[in-house]
Amino acid sequence: MSRQIILDTETTGLSPQQGHRLIEIGCLEMINRRITQNRFHYYINPKRAVDAGAVKVHGLTEDFLKDKPLFADIAESLFDFIKGAELIIHNAPFDLSFLNSEFERTHKKCVPIIQFCNVIDTLPMARNLHPGQQNTLDALCRRYGVNNKHRDLHGALIDAALLAEVYLLMTGGQTQLFDSDSMDEKINTGAVIQEKLKRTQVLPVIMANVDELSAHAAFMNKIVQKPTR
């Protein structure tokens, strides 16, 4: 039996060396090239500010994360889930640096993760297959015809599901990823999207005042009037 874990994370910033923390982790289990219903997904309270640039990418704010569990609360469950599996990650050094940093704080026995898991990095794999081209996850989805229309913001569980499809297509084609045709049903992306809606700021609707409406009407009247000869 070949057990693989497709893993993705979201963070407060770009580097754990600068004190940035993990704020979301999503893992999907794949056995013999088919996704099972066994998955691991948590939002995590980082106990620090989230960089504005990072919020633009994933939409996860301090306010949204303040009631979520700490990494220490989920560390053992996460380690038990990934231990002994082959991890499939896009740009693995980034995600592994954050995971190792978090485990170093709470469970030093789990560091480094590569002692307990093999790792496949799909980024250098894609670069070898498509030299000189963009090889972001979005670019790979376009190249391989993977539907990512539900991905308005980055999200660990959704991105893991997209990466699973891309990985299978990159490594010899894909027969059937899930037991049914519905990705949303199998990874419950509906619930994830609802969580995203909670943290998406609603833009206010600003109505024109009387003076603005009057000025607009006068301008439109000038446009429709025929020029006199």
C-alpha atoms as a PDB file:
ATOM      1  CA  MET A   1       0.000   0.000   0.000  1.00  0.00           C
ATOM      2  CA  SER A   2       1.335   3.402  -1.008  1.00  0.00           C
ATOM      3  CA  ARG A   3       0.239   6.077   1.480  1.00  0.00           C
ATOM      4  CA  GLN A   4       0.838   9.664   0.428  1.00  0.00           C
ATOM      5  CA  ILE A   5      -0.217  12.927   2.078  1.00  0.00           C
ATOM      6  CA  ILE A   6      -0.817  16.006  -0.050  1.00  0.00           C
ATOM      7  CA  LEU A   7       0.017  18.893   2.263  1.00  0.00           C
ATOM      8  CA  ASP A   8      -0.313  22.665   2.106  1.00  0.00           C
ATOM      9  CA  THR A   9      -0.021  25.480   4.649  1.00  0.00           C
ATOM     10  CA  GLU A  10      -0.799  29.168   5.064  1.00  0.00           C
ATOM     11  CA  THR A  11       1.325  31.446   7.242  1.00  0.00           C
ATOM     12  CA  THR A  12       1.546  34.916   8.777  1.00  0.00           C
ATOM     13  CA  GLY A  13       4.450  35.825   6.485  1.00  0.00           C
ATOM     14  CA  LEU A  14       7.350  34.525   4.455  1.00  0.00           C
ATOM     15  CA  SER A  15       9.913  33.280   6.968  1.00  0.00           C
ATOM     16  CA  PRO A  16       9.861  31.481  10.330  1.00  0.00           C
ATOM     17  CA  GLN A  17      13.323  32.951  10.947  1.00  0.00           C
ATOM     18  CA  GLN A  18      11.572  36.330  11.149  1.00  0.00           C
ATOM     19  CA  GLY A  19       9.122  35.007  13.727  1.00  0.00           C
ATOM     20  CA  HIS A  20       6.300  34.176  11.338  1.00  0.00           C
ATOM     21  CA  ARG A  21       3.936  31.362  12.247  1.00  0.00           C
ATOM     22  CA  LEU A  22       1.716  28.720  10.743  1.00  0.00           C
ATOM     23  CA  ILE A  23      -1.990  29.639  10.593  1.00  0.00           C
ATOM     24  CA  GLU A  24      -3.573  26.897   8.474  1.00  0.00           C
ATOM     25  CA  ILE A  25      -2.686  23.351   7.509  1.00  0.00           C
ATOM     26  CA  GLY A  26      -4.543  21.084   5.114  1.00  0.00           C
ATOM     27  CA  CYS A  27      -3.670  17.451   4.408  1.00  0.00           C
ATOM     28  CA  LEU A  28      -5.371  14.897   2.179  1.00  0.00           C
ATOM     29  CA  GLU A  29      -4.576  11.190   2.333  1.00  0.00           C
ATOM     30  CA  MET A  30      -4.008   9.373  -0.943  1.00  0.00           C
ATOM     31  CA  ILE A  31      -3.643   5.599  -1.071  1.00  0.00           C
ATOM     32  CA  ASN A  32      -2.741   3.886  -4.335  1.00  0.00           C
ATOM     33  CA  ARG A  33      -3.339   7.152  -6.227  1.00  0.00           C
ATOM     34  CA  ARG A  34      -6.839   7.688  -4.905  1.00  0.00           C
ATOM     35  CA  ILE A  35      -7.918  10.244  -2.293  1.00  0.00           C
ATOM     36  CA  THR A  36      -9.547   8.723   0.782  1.00  0.00           C
ATOM     37  CA  GLN A  37     -11.963  10.424   3.143  1.00  0.00           C
ATOM     38  CA  ASN A  38      -9.182  10.691   5.731  1.00  0.00           C
ATOM     39  CA  ARG A  39      -7.961  14.284   6.003  1.00  0.00           C
ATOM     40  CA  PHE A  40      -6.447  16.748   8.470  1.00  0.00           C
ATOM     41  CA  HIS A  41      -7.396  20.424   8.440  1.00  0.00           C
ATOM     42  CA  TYR A  42      -7.053  23.153  11.050  1.00  0.00           C
ATOM     43  CA  TYR A  43      -6.875  26.916  11.303  1.00  0.00           C
ATOM     44  CA  ILE A  44      -4.309  27.884  13.956  1.00  0.00           C
ATOM     45  CA  ASN A  45      -4.003  30.885  16.274  1.00  0.00           C
ATOM     46  CA  PRO A  46      -0.454  32.224  15.732  1.00  0.00           C
ATOM     47  CA  LYS A  47      -0.521  34.588  18.724  1.00  0.00           C
ATOM     48  CA  ARG A  48       0.992  37.315  16.555  1.00  0.00           C
ATOM     49  CA  ALA A  49       0.084  39.758  13.782  1.00  0.00           C
ATOM     50  CA  VAL A  50      -0.551  38.574  10.233  1.00  0.00           C
ATOM     51  CA  ASP A  51       1.310  40.551   7.570  1.00  0.00           C
ATOM     52  CA  ALA A  52      -0.966  42.644   5.362  1.00  0.00           C
ATOM     53  CA  GLY A  53       0.579  41.084   2.265  1.00  0.00           C
ATOM     54  CA  ALA A  54      -0.198  37.609   3.558  1.00  0.00           C
ATOM     55  CA  VAL A  55      -3.816  38.540   4.302  1.00  0.00           C
ATOM     56  CA  LYS A  56      -4.216  39.604   0.672  1.00  0.00           C
ATOM     57  CA  VAL A  57      -3.150  36.113  -0.379  1.00  0.00           C
ATOM     58  CA  HIS A  58      -5.206  33.940   1.973  1.00  0.00           C
ATOM     59  CA  GLY A  59      -7.649  36.283   3.732  1.00  0.00           C
ATOM     60  CA  LEU A  60      -6.853  34.951   7.216  1.00  0.00           C
ATOM     61  CA  THR A  61      -6.912  37.791   9.741  1.00  0.00           C
ATOM     62  CA  GLU A  62      -5.976  37.976  13.415  1.00  0.00           C
ATOM     63  CA  ASP A  63      -9.625  38.442  14.315  1.00  0.00           C
ATOM     64  CA  PHE A  64     -10.631  35.297  12.416  1.00  0.00           C
ATOM     65  CA  LEU A  65      -7.842  33.255  14.020  1.00  0.00           C
ATOM     66  CA  LYS A  66      -8.124  34.455  17.618  1.00  0.00           C
ATOM     67  CA  ASP A  67     -10.454  31.643  18.753  1.00  0.00           C
ATOM     68  CA  LYS A  68      -8.650  28.871  16.835  1.00  0.00           C
ATOM     69  CA  PRO A  69      -6.444  26.250  18.545  1.00  0.00           C
ATOM     70  CA  LEU A  70      -2.739  26.781  19.102  1.00  0.00           C
ATOM     71  CA  PHE A  71      -0.264  24.638  17.174  1.00  0.00           C
ATOM     72  CA  ALA A  72       0.617  22.878  20.421  1.00  0.00           C
ATOM     73  CA  ASP A  73      -3.001  21.696  20.633  1.00  0.00           C
ATOM     74  CA  ILE A  74      -2.863  19.902  17.282  1.00  0.00           C
ATOM     75  CA  ALA A  75       0.832  18.969  17.036  1.00  0.00           C
ATOM     76  CA  GLU A  76       0.556  15.342  18.157  1.00  0.00           C
ATOM     77  CA  SER A  77      -2.477  14.657  15.969  1.00  0.00           C
ATOM     78  CA  LEU A  78      -0.727  16.188  12.975  1.00  0.00           C
ATOM     79  CA  PHE A  79       2.435  14.190  13.531  1.00  0.00           C
ATOM     80  CA  ASP A  80       0.464  10.960  13.892  1.00  0.00           C
ATOM     81  CA  PHE A  81      -1.351  11.745  10.633  1.00  0.00           C
ATOM     82  CA  ILE A  82       1.765  12.350   8.515  1.00  0.00           C
ATOM     83  CA  LYS A  83       4.289   9.999  10.172  1.00  0.00           C
ATOM     84  CA  GLY A  84       5.568   7.330   7.809  1.00  0.00           C
ATOM     85  CA  ALA A  85       3.789   8.755   4.770  1.00  0.00           C
ATOM     86  CA  GLU A  86       5.229  10.290   1.625  1.00  0.00           C
ATOM     87  CA  LEU A  87       4.475  14.013   1.671  1.00  0.00           C
ATOM     88  CA  ILE A  88       3.597  15.740  -1.600  1.00  0.00           C
ATOM     89  CA  ILE A  89       4.177  19.495  -1.323  1.00  0.00           C
ATOM     90  CA  HIS A  90       4.515  22.323  -3.849  1.00  0.00           C
ATOM     91  CA  ASN A  91       7.665  24.251  -2.876  1.00  0.00           C
ATOM     92  CA  ALA A  92       8.400  21.912   0.015  1.00  0.00           C
ATOM     93  CA  PRO A  93      11.223  23.914   1.673  1.00  0.00           C
ATOM     94  CA  PHE A  94       8.747  26.692   2.498  1.00  0.00           C
ATOM     95  CA  ASP A  95       6.135  24.482   4.181  1.00  0.00           C
ATOM     96  CA  LEU A  96       8.699  22.243   5.882  1.00  0.00           C
ATOM     97  CA  SER A  97      10.560  25.216   7.338  1.00  0.00           C
ATOM     98  CA  PHE A  98       7.369  26.363   9.057  1.00  0.00           C
ATOM     99  CA  LEU A  99       6.381  22.883  10.209  1.00  0.00           C
ATOM    100  CA  ASN A 100       9.831  22.191  11.621  1.00  0.00           C
ATOM    101  CA  SER A 101       9.817  25.568  13.358  1.00  0.00           C
ATOM    102  CA  GLU A 102       6.441  24.888  14.966  1.00  0.00           C
ATOM    103  CA  PHE A 103       7.382  21.368  16.057  1.00  0.00           C
ATOM    104  CA  GLU A 104      10.674  22.697  17.432  1.00  0.00           C
ATOM    105  CA  ARG A 105       8.699  24.850  19.872  1.00  0.00           C
ATOM    106  CA  THR A 106       6.434  22.114  21.193  1.00  0.00           C
ATOM    107  CA  HIS A 107       7.577  18.626  20.098  1.00  0.00           C
ATOM    108  CA  LYS A 108      11.317  18.578  19.423  1.00  0.00           C
ATOM    109  CA  LYS A 109      11.196  14.817  18.927  1.00  0.00           C
ATOM    110  CA  CYS A 110       9.347  15.418  15.617  1.00  0.00           C
ATOM    111  CA  VAL A 111      12.142  17.519  14.069  1.00  0.00           C
ATOM    112  CA  PRO A 112      13.197  17.326  11.329  1.00  0.00           C
ATOM    113  CA  ILE A 113      10.139  15.939   9.598  1.00  0.00           C
ATOM    114  CA  ILE A 114      12.219  14.342   6.832  1.00  0.00           C
ATOM    115  CA  GLN A 115      13.409  11.815   9.418  1.00  0.00           C
ATOM    116  CA  PHE A 116       9.871  10.477   9.590  1.00  0.00           C
ATOM    117  CA  CYS A 117       8.491  11.151   6.093  1.00  0.00           C
ATOM    118  CA  ASN A 118       9.713  11.023   2.527  1.00  0.00           C
ATOM    119  CA  VAL A 119       9.017  14.231   0.612  1.00  0.00           C
ATOM    120  CA  ILE A 120       8.134  14.859  -3.029  1.00  0.00           C
ATOM    121  CA  ASP A 121       8.459  18.508  -4.066  1.00  0.00           C
ATOM    122  CA  THR A 122       6.257  19.144  -7.103  1.00  0.00           C
ATOM    123  CA  LEU A 123       7.868  22.526  -7.877  1.00  0.00           C
ATOM    124  CA  PRO A 124      11.247  21.219  -9.138  1.00  0.00           C
ATOM    125  CA  MET A 125       9.348  18.351 -10.751  1.00  0.00           C
ATOM    126  CA  ALA A 126       7.255  20.875 -12.704  1.00  0.00           C
ATOM    127  CA  ARG A 127      10.340  22.937 -13.596  1.00  0.00           C
ATOM    128  CA  ASN A 128      11.981  19.844 -15.068  1.00  0.00           C
ATOM    129  CA  LEU A 129       8.870  19.041 -17.093  1.00  0.00           C
ATOM    130  CA  HIS A 130       8.191  22.631 -18.179  1.00  0.00           C
ATOM    131  CA  PRO A 131      11.491  24.557 -18.223  1.00  0.00           C
ATOM    132  CA  GLY A 132      11.244  28.298 -18.692  1.00  0.00           C
ATOM    133  CA  GLN A 133       7.515  28.393 -17.920  1.00  0.00           C
ATOM    134  CA  GLN A 134       5.502  29.500 -14.909  1.00  0.00           C
ATOM    135  CA  ASN A 135       5.064  26.635 -12.486  1.00  0.00           C
ATOM    136  CA  THR A 136       2.890  28.091  -9.738  1.00  0.00           C
ATOM    137  CA  LEU A 137      -0.048  25.939  -8.694  1.00  0.00           C
ATOM    138  CA  ASP A 138      -2.420  28.197 -10.637  1.00  0.00           C
ATOM    139  CA  ALA A 139      -0.242  27.949 -13.745  1.00  0.00           C
ATOM    140  CA  LEU A 140      -0.129  24.163 -13.449  1.00  0.00           C
ATOM    141  CA  CYS A 141      -3.899  24.013 -13.053  1.00  0.00           C
ATOM    142  CA  ARG A 142      -4.283  25.929 -16.310  1.00  0.00           C
ATOM    143  CA  ARG A 143      -1.708  23.787 -18.080  1.00  0.00           C
ATOM    144  CA  TYR A 144      -3.287  20.495 -17.035  1.00  0.00           C
ATOM    145  CA  GLY A 145      -6.904  21.599 -17.268  1.00  0.00           C
ATOM    146  CA  VAL A 146      -7.611  21.348 -13.529  1.00  0.00           C
ATOM    147  CA  ASN A 147     -10.659  23.389 -12.536  1.00  0.00           C
ATOM    148  CA  ASN A 148      -9.705  25.948  -9.885  1.00  0.00           C
ATOM    149  CA  LYS A 149     -12.634  28.347 -10.317  1.00  0.00           C
ATOM    150  CA  HIS A 150     -13.567  27.983  -6.621  1.00  0.00           C
ATOM    151  CA  ARG A 151     -10.136  29.276  -5.559  1.00  0.00           C
ATOM    152  CA  ASP A 152     -10.635  33.013  -5.039  1.00  0.00           C
ATOM    153  CA  LEU A 153      -8.172  33.019  -2.130  1.00  0.00           C
ATOM    154  CA  HIS A 154      -5.432  30.596  -1.212  1.00  0.00           C
ATOM    155  CA  GLY A 155      -6.563  27.957   1.254  1.00  0.00           C
ATOM    156  CA  ALA A 156      -4.595  24.965   2.511  1.00  0.00           C
ATOM    157  CA  LEU A 157      -7.259  22.285   2.011  1.00  0.00           C
ATOM    158  CA  ILE A 158      -8.438  23.550  -1.384  1.00  0.00           C
ATOM    159  CA  ASP A 159      -4.860  23.955  -2.597  1.00  0.00           C
ATOM    160  CA  ALA A 160      -4.019  20.435  -1.417  1.00  0.00           C
ATOM    161  CA  ALA A 161      -6.908  19.054  -3.472  1.00  0.00           C
ATOM    162  CA  LEU A 162      -5.781  20.985  -6.548  1.00  0.00           C
ATOM    163  CA  LEU A 163      -2.208  19.808  -6.039  1.00  0.00           C
ATOM    164  CA  ALA A 164      -3.391  16.200  -5.801  1.00  0.00           C
ATOM    165  CA  GLU A 165      -4.995  16.451  -9.237  1.00  0.00           C
ATOM    166  CA  VAL A 166      -1.996  18.217 -10.740  1.00  0.00           C
ATOM    167  CA  TYR A 167       0.439  15.688  -9.245  1.00  0.00           C
ATOM    168  CA  LEU A 168      -1.429  12.715 -10.681  1.00  0.00           C
ATOM    169  CA  LEU A 169      -1.569  14.311 -14.124  1.00  0.00           C
ATOM    170  CA  MET A 170       2.135  15.163 -13.938  1.00  0.00           C
ATOM    171  CA  THR A 171       3.038  11.580 -13.020  1.00  0.00           C
ATOM    172  CA  GLY A 172       1.378   9.563 -15.731  1.00  0.00           C
ATOM    173  CA  GLY A 173      -2.245  10.554 -15.967  1.00  0.00           C
ATOM    174  CA  GLN A 174      -5.248  10.207 -13.752  1.00  0.00           C
ATOM    175  CA  THR A 175      -8.087   7.740 -13.772  1.00  0.00           C
ATOM    176  CA  GLN A 176     -10.327   8.777 -10.887  1.00  0.00           C
ATOM    177  CA  LEU A 177      -9.063  10.877  -8.004  1.00  0.00           C
ATOM    178  CA  PHE A 178     -12.104  10.487  -5.747  1.00  0.00           C
ATOM    179  CA  ASP A 179     -14.641   7.723  -5.274  1.00  0.00           C
ATOM    180  CA  SER A 180     -17.260  10.052  -6.810  1.00  0.00           C
ATOM    181  CA  ASP A 181     -17.070  12.866  -9.345  1.00  0.00           C
ATOM    182  CA  SER A 182     -17.614  15.612  -6.768  1.00  0.00           C
ATOM    183  CA  MET A 183     -14.449  17.180  -5.360  1.00  0.00           C
ATOM    184  CA  ASP A 184     -16.490  19.505  -3.158  1.00  0.00           C
ATOM    185  CA  GLU A 185     -18.298  16.559  -1.619  1.00  0.00           C
ATOM    186  CA  LYS A 186     -15.141  14.645  -0.830  1.00  0.00           C
ATOM    187  CA  ILE A 187     -13.010  17.419   0.692  1.00  0.00           C
ATOM    188  CA  ASN A 188     -15.953  19.456   1.981  1.00  0.00           C
ATOM    189  CA  THR A 189     -14.743  22.632   0.301  1.00  0.00           C
ATOM    190  CA  GLY A 190     -18.176  24.105   0.874  1.00  0.00           C
ATOM    191  CA  ALA A 191     -17.421  24.366   4.578  1.00  0.00           C
ATOM    192  CA  VAL A 192     -14.018  25.875   3.820  1.00  0.00           C
ATOM    193  CA  ILE A 193     -15.565  28.457   1.492  1.00  0.00           C
ATOM    194  CA  GLN A 194     -18.128  29.363   4.167  1.00  0.00           C
ATOM    195  CA  GLU A 195     -15.258  29.975   6.573  1.00  0.00           C
ATOM    196  CA  LYS A 196     -13.662  32.250   3.972  1.00  0.00           C
ATOM    197  CA  LEU A 197     -16.880  34.189   3.555  1.00  0.00           C
ATOM    198  CA  LYS A 198     -16.864  34.897   7.298  1.00  0.00           C
ATOM    199  CA  ARG A 199     -13.457  36.563   7.047  1.00  0.00           C
ATOM    200  CA  THR A 200     -14.063  38.437   3.792  1.00  0.00           C
ATOM    201  CA  GLN A 201     -14.830  42.085   4.411  1.00  0.00           C
ATOM    202  CA  VAL A 202     -18.109  43.233   2.849  1.00  0.00           C
ATOM    203  CA  LEU A 203     -17.610  46.371   0.779  1.00  0.00           C
ATOM    204  CA  PRO A 204     -20.034  49.210   1.633  1.00  0.00           C
ATOM    205  CA  VAL A 205     -22.512  50.464  -0.975  1.00  0.00           C
ATOM    206  CA  ILE A 206     -22.258  54.260  -1.161  1.00  0.00           C
ATOM    207  CA  MET A 207     -25.292  55.937  -2.711  1.00  0.00           C
ATOM    208  CA  ALA A 208     -25.045  59.196  -4.672  1.00  0.00           C
ATOM    209  CA  ASN A 209     -26.452  62.277  -2.934  1.00  0.00           C
ATOM    210  CA  VAL A 210     -28.973  64.729  -4.442  1.00  0.00           C
ATOM    211  CA  ASP A 211     -26.341  67.107  -5.820  1.00  0.00           C
ATOM    212  CA  GLU A 212     -24.430  64.260  -7.463  1.00  0.00           C
ATOM    213  CA  LEU A 213     -27.602  62.882  -9.049  1.00  0.00           C
ATOM    214  CA  SER A 214     -28.515  66.333 -10.362  1.00  0.00           C
ATOM    215  CA  ALA A 215     -25.059  66.867 -11.850  1.00  0.00           C
ATOM    216  CA  HIS A 216     -25.169  63.428 -13.472  1.00  0.00           C
ATOM    217  CA  ALA A 217     -28.596  64.148 -15.009  1.00  0.00           C
ATOM    218  CA  ALA A 218     -27.362  67.469 -16.425  1.00  0.00           C
ATOM    219  CA  PHE A 219     -24.302  65.768 -17.924  1.00  0.00           C
ATOM    220  CA  MET A 220     -26.371  63.008 -19.517  1.00  0.00           C
ATOM    221  CA  ASN A 221     -28.764  65.642 -20.926  1.00  0.00           C
ATOM    222  CA  LYS A 222     -25.851  67.313 -22.701  1.00  0.00           C
ATOM    223  CA  ILE A 223     -24.800  63.997 -24.228  1.00  0.00           C
ATOM    224  CA  VAL A 224     -28.211  63.163 -25.707  1.00  0.00           C
ATOM    225  CA  GLN A 225     -28.910  66.665 -27.088  1.00  0.00           C
ATOM    226  CA  LYS A 226     -28.288  66.962 -30.844  1.00  0.00           C
ATOM    227  CA  PRO A 227     -25.894  69.728 -31.840  1.00  0.00           C
ATOM    228  CA  THR A 228     -27.549  72.808 -33.426  1.00  0.00           C
ATOM    229  CA  ARG A 229     -26.517  74.022 -36.866  1.00  0.00           C
END
